[in-house]
Amino acid sequence: MHNLGGGRLQTSTLRQRINQRDWAAAAKELRRWVYGGGRVLLGLVARRKAEVALL
């Protein structure tokens, strides 16, 4: 999982779900991490889709 931003990831629901090993909930949260500069980046949408497939 790249481009998440270490500071924001530390206190995120995504991290909580991963630590709980709740992979379905983690996949749902991961799909929300697609913003850069306040807008949706299509490259991140594609990356998150590929990362969710690995969970």
PDB file of N, CA and C in Angstrom:
ATOM      1  N   MET A   1       0.845  -1.165   0.000  1.00  0.00           N
ATOM      2  CA  MET A   1       0.000   0.000   0.000  1.00  0.00           C
ATOM      3  C   MET A   1       0.894   1.233   0.000  1.00  0.00           C
ATOM      4  N   HIS A   2       0.878   1.904  -1.085  1.00  0.00           N
ATOM      5  CA  HIS A   2       1.725   3.072  -1.237  1.00  0.00           C
ATOM      6  C   HIS A   2       0.875   4.338  -1.287  1.00  0.00           C
ATOM      7  N   ASN A   3       1.527   5.459  -1.101  1.00  0.00           N
ATOM      8  CA  ASN A   3       0.901   6.780  -1.221  1.00  0.00           C
ATOM      9  C   ASN A   3      -0.217   7.009  -0.208  1.00  0.00           C
ATOM     10  N   LEU A   4      -0.104   6.443   0.968  1.00  0.00           N
ATOM     11  CA  LEU A   4      -1.156   6.639   1.960  1.00  0.00           C
ATOM     12  C   LEU A   4      -0.894   7.829   2.863  1.00  0.00           C
ATOM     13  N   GLY A   5       0.330   8.241   3.001  1.00  0.00           N
ATOM     14  CA  GLY A   5       0.652   9.332   3.911  1.00  0.00           C
ATOM     15  C   GLY A   5       0.766   8.811   5.329  1.00  0.00           C
ATOM     16  N   GLY A   6       1.995   8.667   5.793  1.00  0.00           N
ATOM     17  CA  GLY A   6       2.261   8.045   7.089  1.00  0.00           C
ATOM     18  C   GLY A   6       1.505   8.663   8.253  1.00  0.00           C
ATOM     19  N   GLY A   7       1.461   9.983   8.324  1.00  0.00           N
ATOM     20  CA  GLY A   7       0.779  10.632   9.440  1.00  0.00           C
ATOM     21  C   GLY A   7      -0.702  10.341   9.482  1.00  0.00           C
ATOM     22  N   ARG A   8      -1.331  10.429   8.352  1.00  0.00           N
ATOM     23  CA  ARG A   8      -2.779  10.188   8.295  1.00  0.00           C
ATOM     24  C   ARG A   8      -3.098   8.714   8.508  1.00  0.00           C
ATOM     25  N   LEU A   9      -2.233   7.853   8.036  1.00  0.00           N
ATOM     26  CA  LEU A   9      -2.466   6.411   8.190  1.00  0.00           C
ATOM     27  C   LEU A   9      -2.421   6.002   9.657  1.00  0.00           C
ATOM     28  N   GLN A  10      -1.568   6.629  10.453  1.00  0.00           N
ATOM     29  CA  GLN A  10      -1.389   6.239  11.856  1.00  0.00           C
ATOM     30  C   GLN A  10      -2.689   6.260  12.652  1.00  0.00           C
ATOM     31  N   THR A  11      -3.550   7.211  12.385  1.00  0.00           N
ATOM     32  CA  THR A  11      -4.783   7.359  13.167  1.00  0.00           C
ATOM     33  C   THR A  11      -6.026   6.977  12.364  1.00  0.00           C
ATOM     34  N   SER A  12      -5.834   6.281  11.265  1.00  0.00           N
ATOM     35  CA  SER A  12      -6.948   6.007  10.360  1.00  0.00           C
ATOM     36  C   SER A  12      -7.742   4.756  10.740  1.00  0.00           C
ATOM     37  N   THR A  13      -8.960   4.734  10.266  1.00  0.00           N
ATOM     38  CA  THR A  13      -9.799   3.546  10.386  1.00  0.00           C
ATOM     39  C   THR A  13      -9.192   2.413   9.572  1.00  0.00           C
ATOM     40  N   LEU A  14      -8.563   2.740   8.453  1.00  0.00           N
ATOM     41  CA  LEU A  14      -7.910   1.715   7.637  1.00  0.00           C
ATOM     42  C   LEU A  14      -6.894   0.949   8.466  1.00  0.00           C
ATOM     43  N   ARG A  15      -6.042   1.653   9.183  1.00  0.00           N
ATOM     44  CA  ARG A  15      -5.031   0.975  10.008  1.00  0.00           C
ATOM     45  C   ARG A  15      -5.688   0.122  11.085  1.00  0.00           C
ATOM     46  N   GLN A  16      -6.739   0.624  11.704  1.00  0.00           N
ATOM     47  CA  GLN A  16      -7.441  -0.146  12.725  1.00  0.00           C
ATOM     48  C   GLN A  16      -7.948  -1.463  12.145  1.00  0.00           C
ATOM     49  N   ARG A  17      -8.549  -1.386  10.954  1.00  0.00           N
ATOM     50  CA  ARG A  17      -9.103  -2.599  10.338  1.00  0.00           C
ATOM     51  C   ARG A  17      -7.999  -3.594   9.976  1.00  0.00           C
ATOM     52  N   ILE A  18      -6.883  -3.086   9.492  1.00  0.00           N
ATOM     53  CA  ILE A  18      -5.762  -3.970   9.164  1.00  0.00           C
ATOM     54  C   ILE A  18      -5.233  -4.632  10.429  1.00  0.00           C
ATOM     55  N   ASN A  19      -5.054  -3.866  11.497  1.00  0.00           N
ATOM     56  CA  ASN A  19      -4.565  -4.421  12.759  1.00  0.00           C
ATOM     57  C   ASN A  19      -5.533  -5.448  13.338  1.00  0.00           C
ATOM     58  N   GLN A  20      -6.818  -5.274  13.063  1.00  0.00           N
ATOM     59  CA  GLN A  20      -7.834  -6.226  13.524  1.00  0.00           C
ATOM     60  C   GLN A  20      -7.932  -7.445  12.599  1.00  0.00           C
ATOM     61  N   ARG A  21      -7.199  -7.368  11.493  1.00  0.00           N
ATOM     62  CA  ARG A  21      -7.252  -8.408  10.453  1.00  0.00           C
ATOM     63  C   ARG A  21      -8.655  -8.582   9.880  1.00  0.00           C
ATOM     64  N   ASP A  22      -9.385  -7.488   9.832  1.00  0.00           N
ATOM     65  CA  ASP A  22     -10.716  -7.461   9.233  1.00  0.00           C
ATOM     66  C   ASP A  22     -10.535  -7.033   7.777  1.00  0.00           C
ATOM     67  N   TRP A  23     -10.203  -8.005   6.933  1.00  0.00           N
ATOM     68  CA  TRP A  23      -9.790  -7.714   5.565  1.00  0.00           C
ATOM     69  C   TRP A  23     -10.916  -7.134   4.716  1.00  0.00           C
ATOM     70  N   ALA A  24     -12.139  -7.556   4.927  1.00  0.00           N
ATOM     71  CA  ALA A  24     -13.256  -7.010   4.151  1.00  0.00           C
ATOM     72  C   ALA A  24     -13.444  -5.526   4.473  1.00  0.00           C
ATOM     73  N   ALA A  25     -13.395  -5.189   5.759  1.00  0.00           N
ATOM     74  CA  ALA A  25     -13.543  -3.792   6.155  1.00  0.00           C
ATOM     75  C   ALA A  25     -12.327  -2.970   5.711  1.00  0.00           C
ATOM     76  N   ALA A  26     -11.130  -3.574   5.758  1.00  0.00           N
ATOM     77  CA  ALA A  26      -9.923  -2.875   5.307  1.00  0.00           C
ATOM     78  C   ALA A  26     -10.013  -2.567   3.817  1.00  0.00           C
ATOM     79  N   ALA A  27     -10.514  -3.498   3.050  1.00  0.00           N
ATOM     80  CA  ALA A  27     -10.670  -3.273   1.607  1.00  0.00           C
ATOM     81  C   ALA A  27     -11.643  -2.128   1.348  1.00  0.00           C
ATOM     82  N   LYS A  28     -12.718  -2.085   2.114  1.00  0.00           N
ATOM     83  CA  LYS A  28     -13.697  -1.004   1.962  1.00  0.00           C
ATOM     84  C   LYS A  28     -13.060   0.342   2.287  1.00  0.00           C
ATOM     85  N   GLU A  29     -12.288   0.398   3.361  1.00  0.00           N
ATOM     86  CA  GLU A  29     -11.613   1.640   3.742  1.00  0.00           C
ATOM     87  C   GLU A  29     -10.556   2.031   2.722  1.00  0.00           C
ATOM     88  N   LEU A  30      -9.811   1.076   2.221  1.00  0.00           N
ATOM     89  CA  LEU A  30      -8.737   1.358   1.277  1.00  0.00           C
ATOM     90  C   LEU A  30      -9.260   2.061   0.031  1.00  0.00           C
ATOM     91  N   ARG A  31     -10.437   1.704  -0.402  1.00  0.00           N
ATOM     92  CA  ARG A  31     -11.025   2.327  -1.593  1.00  0.00           C
ATOM     93  C   ARG A  31     -11.290   3.817  -1.408  1.00  0.00           C
ATOM     94  N   ARG A  32     -11.270   4.301  -0.166  1.00  0.00           N
ATOM     95  CA  ARG A  32     -11.499   5.720   0.111  1.00  0.00           C
ATOM     96  C   ARG A  32     -10.222   6.547  -0.038  1.00  0.00           C
ATOM     97  N   TRP A  33      -9.068   5.900  -0.086  1.00  0.00           N
ATOM     98  CA  TRP A  33      -7.777   6.589  -0.114  1.00  0.00           C
ATOM     99  C   TRP A  33      -7.338   6.806  -1.557  1.00  0.00           C
ATOM    100  N   VAL A  34      -8.065   7.636  -2.273  1.00  0.00           N
ATOM    101  CA  VAL A  34      -7.799   7.874  -3.698  1.00  0.00           C
ATOM    102  C   VAL A  34      -7.635   9.360  -4.025  1.00  0.00           C
ATOM    103  N   TYR A  35      -7.409  10.171  -3.000  1.00  0.00           N
ATOM    104  CA  TYR A  35      -7.322  11.619  -3.204  1.00  0.00           C
ATOM    105  C   TYR A  35      -5.883  12.116  -3.176  1.00  0.00           C
ATOM    106  N   GLY A  36      -5.618  13.086  -3.986  1.00  0.00           N
ATOM    107  CA  GLY A  36      -4.348  13.798  -3.991  1.00  0.00           C
ATOM    108  C   GLY A  36      -4.641  15.244  -4.327  1.00  0.00           C
ATOM    109  N   GLY A  37      -4.207  16.155  -3.494  1.00  0.00           N
ATOM    110  CA  GLY A  37      -4.482  17.555  -3.752  1.00  0.00           C
ATOM    111  C   GLY A  37      -5.960  17.886  -3.716  1.00  0.00           C
ATOM    112  N   GLY A  38      -6.729  17.118  -2.953  1.00  0.00           N
ATOM    113  CA  GLY A  38      -8.157  17.395  -2.822  1.00  0.00           C
ATOM    114  C   GLY A  38      -9.022  16.873  -3.947  1.00  0.00           C
ATOM    115  N   ARG A  39      -8.448  16.082  -4.832  1.00  0.00           N
ATOM    116  CA  ARG A  39      -9.261  15.529  -5.929  1.00  0.00           C
ATOM    117  C   ARG A  39      -8.944  14.051  -6.125  1.00  0.00           C
ATOM    118  N   VAL A  40      -9.887  13.344  -6.711  1.00  0.00           N
ATOM    119  CA  VAL A  40      -9.715  11.924  -6.986  1.00  0.00           C
ATOM    120  C   VAL A  40      -8.700  11.760  -8.113  1.00  0.00           C
ATOM    121  N   LEU A  41      -7.715  10.911  -7.873  1.00  0.00           N
ATOM    122  CA  LEU A  41      -6.705  10.619  -8.888  1.00  0.00           C
ATOM    123  C   LEU A  41      -6.974   9.236  -9.475  1.00  0.00           C
ATOM    124  N   LEU A  42      -7.178   9.190 -10.772  1.00  0.00           N
ATOM    125  CA  LEU A  42      -7.538   7.928 -11.419  1.00  0.00           C
ATOM    126  C   LEU A  42      -6.460   6.869 -11.243  1.00  0.00           C
ATOM    127  N   GLY A  43      -5.200   7.288 -11.199  1.00  0.00           N
ATOM    128  CA  GLY A  43      -4.119   6.330 -10.964  1.00  0.00           C
ATOM    129  C   GLY A  43      -4.241   5.671  -9.601  1.00  0.00           C
ATOM    130  N   LEU A  44      -4.648   6.437  -8.581  1.00  0.00           N
ATOM    131  CA  LEU A  44      -4.843   5.863  -7.257  1.00  0.00           C
ATOM    132  C   LEU A  44      -6.067   4.961  -7.215  1.00  0.00           C
ATOM    133  N   VAL A  45      -7.090   5.312  -7.964  1.00  0.00           N
ATOM    134  CA  VAL A  45      -8.275   4.444  -8.040  1.00  0.00           C
ATOM    135  C   VAL A  45      -7.859   3.077  -8.579  1.00  0.00           C
ATOM    136  N   ALA A  46      -7.070   3.076  -9.640  1.00  0.00           N
ATOM    137  CA  ALA A  46      -6.606   1.814 -10.232  1.00  0.00           C
ATOM    138  C   ALA A  46      -5.699   1.056  -9.267  1.00  0.00           C
ATOM    139  N   ARG A  47      -4.816   1.778  -8.581  1.00  0.00           N
ATOM    140  CA  ARG A  47      -3.903   1.133  -7.629  1.00  0.00           C
ATOM    141  C   ARG A  47      -4.679   0.501  -6.488  1.00  0.00           C
ATOM    142  N   ARG A  48      -5.639   1.232  -5.944  1.00  0.00           N
ATOM    143  CA  ARG A  48      -6.426   0.688  -4.823  1.00  0.00           C
ATOM    144  C   ARG A  48      -7.212  -0.548  -5.251  1.00  0.00           C
ATOM    145  N   LYS A  49      -7.723  -0.531  -6.459  1.00  0.00           N
ATOM    146  CA  LYS A  49      -8.446  -1.701  -6.953  1.00  0.00           C
ATOM    147  C   LYS A  49      -7.517  -2.913  -6.996  1.00  0.00           C
ATOM    148  N   ALA A  50      -6.295  -2.706  -7.459  1.00  0.00           N
ATOM    149  CA  ALA A  50      -5.319  -3.800  -7.509  1.00  0.00           C
ATOM    150  C   ALA A  50      -4.921  -4.247  -6.111  1.00  0.00           C
ATOM    151  N   GLU A  51      -4.759  -3.294  -5.182  1.00  0.00           N
ATOM    152  CA  GLU A  51      -4.397  -3.642  -3.817  1.00  0.00           C
ATOM    153  C   GLU A  51      -5.516  -4.407  -3.117  1.00  0.00           C
ATOM    154  N   VAL A  52      -6.758  -4.016  -3.352  1.00  0.00           N
ATOM    155  CA  VAL A  52      -7.890  -4.716  -2.753  1.00  0.00           C
ATOM    156  C   VAL A  52      -7.925  -6.164  -3.255  1.00  0.00           C
ATOM    157  N   ALA A  53      -7.567  -6.368  -4.500  1.00  0.00           N
ATOM    158  CA  ALA A  53      -7.549  -7.726  -5.058  1.00  0.00           C
ATOM    159  C   ALA A  53      -6.529  -8.610  -4.320  1.00  0.00           C
ATOM    160  N   LEU A  54      -5.492  -8.000  -3.747  1.00  0.00           N
ATOM    161  CA  LEU A  54      -4.486  -8.758  -3.004  1.00  0.00           C
ATOM    162  C   LEU A  54      -4.942  -9.145  -1.604  1.00  0.00           C
ATOM    163  N   LEU A  55      -5.931  -8.424  -1.071  1.00  0.00           N
ATOM    164  CA  LEU A  55      -6.424  -8.730   0.274  1.00  0.00           C
ATOM    165  C   LEU A  55      -7.251  -9.952   0.175  1.00  0.00           C
TER     166      LEU A  55
END
